[in-house]
Amino acid sequence: MITARDWADARILWEFQRMGHAPRPCSVGVGLGSHDLGVAEVMAGLYRRGLVPLVVFTGATSPTTRGRMPRGEAVHYRERALELGVPGDVVLVEPRARNTGENIRFSRELLAERGTPVDSVLLVSKPYEERRAYATARKLWPGVEFVCASAPMNLPAYADAIGDPRLVLDMLVGAVQRLMVYPAQGFMIELSVPAPVAAAYERLRDRGFTRRLVPTA
């Protein structure tokens, strides 16, 4: 059961993860694979606004997405973007990445192989992973400016749209934990986690929202 206290703590993590960037024109848009087709929908909207001339969707499959995206996250994202009017010739698919670090590294390699100059990236992720995506990208793709974007939804609406509120809270807890432990492992830059956010994270972790935690021992 998810309690009112759990929801209150989850909102603290949700708001912390949002970077608050204003979308602006960038060299390329990179959509990070996940269970959430909303990433492709946000990217399609940004393309239609003229903010990116080229799109990369990146992602293989995971235990969470294998059933709903059997052809791979990036492939399903591309199909959704094309349904929304994005021309196929401006959408690249990177089908191998299985984590955020690989999303960034493989997208960077794909664009380098094509000879595409990149000085800025419009980075589209799930709403509760903006900060994690930003910290990872800054570590693995230096010299590039990143502008984060995601679906403009509040937490209750997002959880309803996904249809699995507990999964969303588990993912929120996992995203904040990675901000705390991954910098020391060289996976992302260090970003400070304010005390109220850390306290909310600890309460949710102790309440059992642990399915997306990474081992730390």
Protein backbone atom coordinates (compact mmCIF):
# COMPACT_ATOMS: atom_id res chain seq x y z
CA MET A 1 0.00 0.00 0.00
CA ILE A 2 1.25 3.48 -0.87
CA THR A 3 0.50 5.89 1.96
CA ALA A 4 -0.05 9.65 1.94
CA ARG A 5 3.40 10.02 3.53
CA ASP A 6 4.90 7.97 0.71
CA TRP A 7 3.28 10.19 -1.91
CA ALA A 8 4.49 13.32 -0.13
CA ASP A 9 8.05 12.00 -0.06
CA ALA A 10 7.83 10.87 -3.67
CA ARG A 11 6.79 14.38 -4.72
CA ILE A 12 9.93 15.74 -3.09
CA LEU A 13 12.05 13.36 -5.18
CA TRP A 14 9.99 14.12 -8.30
CA GLU A 15 10.48 17.88 -8.03
CA PHE A 16 14.18 17.44 -7.30
CA GLN A 17 14.70 15.38 -10.45
CA ARG A 18 13.18 18.05 -12.70
CA MET A 19 15.96 20.32 -13.96
CA GLY A 20 13.69 23.22 -14.91
CA HIS A 21 15.43 23.87 -18.23
CA ALA A 22 13.65 25.89 -20.90
CA PRO A 23 13.80 23.96 -24.20
CA ARG A 24 15.80 25.76 -26.88
CA PRO A 25 17.29 24.89 -30.28
CA CYS A 26 20.05 22.26 -30.07
CA SER A 27 22.25 20.35 -32.50
CA VAL A 28 20.37 17.09 -31.88
CA GLY A 29 17.71 15.54 -29.70
CA VAL A 30 18.51 12.35 -27.80
CA GLY A 31 15.62 10.35 -26.36
CA LEU A 32 16.61 7.90 -23.63
CA GLY A 33 14.99 4.49 -23.79
CA SER A 34 12.63 3.26 -21.09
CA HIS A 35 9.16 1.84 -20.59
CA ASP A 36 7.68 5.29 -21.26
CA LEU A 37 6.59 6.08 -24.84
CA GLY A 38 5.98 9.62 -23.63
CA VAL A 39 9.68 10.26 -24.27
CA ALA A 40 9.05 9.80 -28.00
CA GLU A 41 5.96 12.00 -27.82
CA VAL A 42 7.85 14.82 -26.12
CA MET A 43 10.64 14.54 -28.68
CA ALA A 44 8.15 14.67 -31.54
CA GLY A 45 6.74 17.89 -30.11
CA LEU A 46 10.19 19.42 -29.81
CA TYR A 47 10.96 18.48 -33.40
CA ARG A 48 7.72 20.04 -34.64
CA ARG A 49 8.66 23.23 -32.80
CA GLY A 50 11.88 23.36 -34.80
CA LEU A 51 14.15 22.85 -31.79
CA VAL A 52 16.10 19.87 -33.20
CA PRO A 53 16.93 18.98 -36.81
CA LEU A 54 17.91 15.39 -35.97
CA VAL A 55 16.71 12.85 -33.40
CA VAL A 56 18.45 9.84 -31.85
CA PHE A 57 16.38 7.29 -29.96
CA THR A 58 18.53 4.96 -27.87
CA GLY A 59 17.66 1.78 -26.01
CA ALA A 60 17.52 -2.00 -26.27
CA THR A 61 15.17 -3.83 -23.88
CA SER A 62 15.10 -4.54 -20.15
CA PRO A 63 13.00 -6.82 -17.94
CA THR A 64 10.60 -3.89 -17.58
CA THR A 65 10.23 -3.24 -21.32
CA ARG A 66 10.65 -6.64 -22.94
CA GLY A 67 6.94 -7.42 -22.92
CA ARG A 68 5.62 -4.05 -24.03
CA MET A 69 8.46 -3.14 -26.44
CA PRO A 70 9.62 -6.45 -27.93
CA ARG A 71 11.38 -4.80 -30.89
CA GLY A 72 13.46 -2.63 -28.56
CA GLU A 73 12.82 0.69 -26.88
CA ALA A 74 14.48 2.82 -29.55
CA VAL A 75 12.57 1.08 -32.34
CA HIS A 76 9.22 1.59 -30.61
CA TYR A 77 10.12 5.21 -29.90
CA ARG A 78 10.89 5.76 -33.59
CA GLU A 79 7.61 4.19 -34.63
CA ARG A 80 5.70 6.45 -32.24
CA ALA A 81 7.54 9.55 -33.46
CA LEU A 82 6.74 8.68 -37.08
CA GLU A 83 3.06 8.24 -36.13
CA LEU A 84 3.21 11.80 -34.79
CA GLY A 85 4.56 13.20 -38.03
CA VAL A 86 8.33 13.19 -37.57
CA PRO A 87 10.00 12.31 -40.91
CA GLY A 88 11.78 8.98 -40.88
CA ASP A 89 14.94 10.39 -42.43
CA VAL A 90 15.65 12.57 -39.38
CA VAL A 91 15.29 9.76 -36.81
CA LEU A 92 18.27 7.58 -35.94
CA VAL A 93 17.99 4.39 -33.88
CA GLU A 94 20.65 3.24 -31.44
CA PRO A 95 19.41 -0.24 -30.45
CA ARG A 96 22.09 -1.58 -28.08
CA ALA A 97 22.09 0.56 -24.93
CA ARG A 98 20.89 -1.11 -21.73
CA ASN A 99 21.55 1.67 -19.21
CA THR A 100 21.84 5.45 -19.13
CA GLY A 101 25.60 5.44 -19.52
CA GLU A 102 25.34 3.31 -22.66
CA ASN A 103 22.53 5.55 -23.95
CA ILE A 104 24.92 8.48 -23.85
CA ARG A 105 28.07 6.72 -25.05
CA PHE A 106 26.45 4.86 -27.93
CA SER A 107 24.51 7.94 -29.09
CA ARG A 108 27.72 9.96 -29.05
CA GLU A 109 29.51 7.25 -31.06
CA LEU A 110 26.68 7.00 -33.60
CA LEU A 111 26.70 10.73 -34.25
CA ALA A 112 30.50 10.79 -34.48
CA GLU A 113 30.43 7.96 -37.03
CA ARG A 114 27.99 10.00 -39.14
CA GLY A 115 30.19 13.08 -38.88
CA THR A 116 27.39 15.06 -37.22
CA PRO A 117 28.77 18.07 -35.35
CA VAL A 118 27.27 18.36 -31.86
CA ASP A 119 27.71 21.24 -29.46
CA SER A 120 24.34 20.97 -27.72
CA VAL A 121 21.88 18.16 -26.99
CA LEU A 122 18.20 18.34 -26.12
CA LEU A 123 18.10 15.37 -23.73
CA VAL A 124 14.65 13.84 -23.29
CA SER A 125 13.98 11.36 -20.51
CA LYS A 126 11.26 10.28 -18.14
CA PRO A 127 10.32 13.17 -15.82
CA TYR A 128 11.87 11.55 -12.76
CA GLU A 129 15.23 10.93 -14.41
CA GLU A 130 16.13 14.36 -15.78
CA ARG A 131 18.79 15.07 -13.17
CA ARG A 132 20.25 11.58 -13.36
CA ALA A 133 20.41 11.79 -17.17
CA TYR A 134 22.02 15.22 -16.99
CA ALA A 135 24.69 14.11 -14.51
CA THR A 136 25.51 11.06 -16.64
CA ALA A 137 25.68 13.01 -19.88
CA ARG A 138 27.92 15.68 -18.40
CA LYS A 139 30.37 12.98 -17.32
CA LEU A 140 30.42 10.96 -20.53
CA TRP A 141 30.06 13.68 -23.18
CA PRO A 142 32.24 16.62 -22.11
CA GLY A 143 32.25 19.85 -24.05
CA VAL A 144 28.57 19.59 -24.96
CA GLU A 145 25.75 21.65 -23.46
CA PHE A 146 22.74 19.63 -22.32
CA VAL A 147 19.18 20.90 -22.09
CA CYS A 148 16.81 18.51 -20.31
CA ALA A 149 13.17 17.97 -21.21
CA SER A 150 10.40 15.56 -20.26
CA ALA A 151 6.62 15.34 -20.20
CA PRO A 152 5.13 18.32 -18.30
CA MET A 153 3.11 16.22 -15.86
CA ASN A 154 2.74 16.10 -12.11
CA LEU A 155 3.48 12.90 -10.21
CA PRO A 156 -0.09 11.63 -9.70
CA ALA A 157 -0.96 12.15 -13.37
CA TYR A 158 2.25 10.45 -14.47
CA ALA A 159 1.73 7.46 -12.17
CA ASP A 160 -1.82 7.08 -13.51
CA ALA A 161 -0.57 7.26 -17.09
CA ILE A 162 2.07 4.57 -16.49
CA GLY A 163 -0.46 2.40 -14.69
CA ASP A 164 1.96 1.13 -12.05
CA PRO A 165 2.41 3.68 -9.22
CA ARG A 166 4.69 1.43 -7.21
CA LEU A 167 7.04 1.03 -10.17
CA VAL A 168 7.21 4.81 -10.49
CA LEU A 169 8.09 5.24 -6.81
CA ASP A 170 10.67 2.47 -7.00
CA MET A 171 12.22 4.21 -10.01
CA LEU A 172 12.26 7.56 -8.21
CA VAL A 173 14.12 6.03 -5.27
CA GLY A 174 16.58 4.30 -7.59
CA ALA A 175 17.28 7.48 -9.54
CA VAL A 176 18.14 9.43 -6.40
CA GLN A 177 20.30 6.62 -5.05
CA ARG A 178 22.34 6.66 -8.25
CA LEU A 179 22.97 10.38 -7.85
CA MET A 180 24.46 9.56 -4.46
CA VAL A 181 26.62 6.55 -5.33
CA TYR A 182 27.49 6.72 -9.03
CA PRO A 183 29.82 9.76 -8.97
CA ALA A 184 32.36 7.83 -6.86
CA GLN A 185 32.21 5.03 -9.43
CA GLY A 186 32.91 7.40 -12.32
CA PHE A 187 29.48 7.05 -13.93
CA MET A 188 28.30 10.65 -13.54
CA ILE A 189 29.31 14.05 -12.24
CA GLU A 190 28.53 14.86 -8.63
CA LEU A 191 25.40 16.91 -8.00
CA SER A 192 24.46 17.86 -4.46
CA VAL A 193 21.42 16.18 -2.93
CA PRO A 194 19.73 18.54 -0.44
CA ALA A 195 19.01 17.22 3.03
CA PRO A 196 15.19 17.18 2.61
CA VAL A 197 15.58 15.12 -0.57
CA ALA A 198 17.97 12.69 1.12
CA ALA A 199 15.57 12.31 4.05
CA ALA A 200 12.60 11.62 1.75
CA TYR A 201 14.71 9.09 -0.17
CA GLU A 202 15.66 7.29 3.07
CA ARG A 203 12.05 7.12 4.26
CA LEU A 204 10.88 5.61 0.98
CA ARG A 205 13.81 3.20 0.89
CA ASP A 206 13.04 2.09 4.44
CA ARG A 207 9.37 1.67 3.50
CA GLY A 208 10.39 -0.92 0.91
CA PHE A 209 10.56 0.99 -2.36
CA THR A 210 13.77 -0.78 -3.25
CA ARG A 211 13.23 -2.72 -6.49
CA ARG A 212 15.38 -0.29 -8.51
CA LEU A 213 18.24 0.15 -6.07
CA VAL A 214 21.73 -0.85 -7.15
CA PRO A 215 23.96 -2.91 -4.82
CA THR A 216 26.40 -0.80 -2.85
CA ALA A 217 28.31 -3.45 -0.88
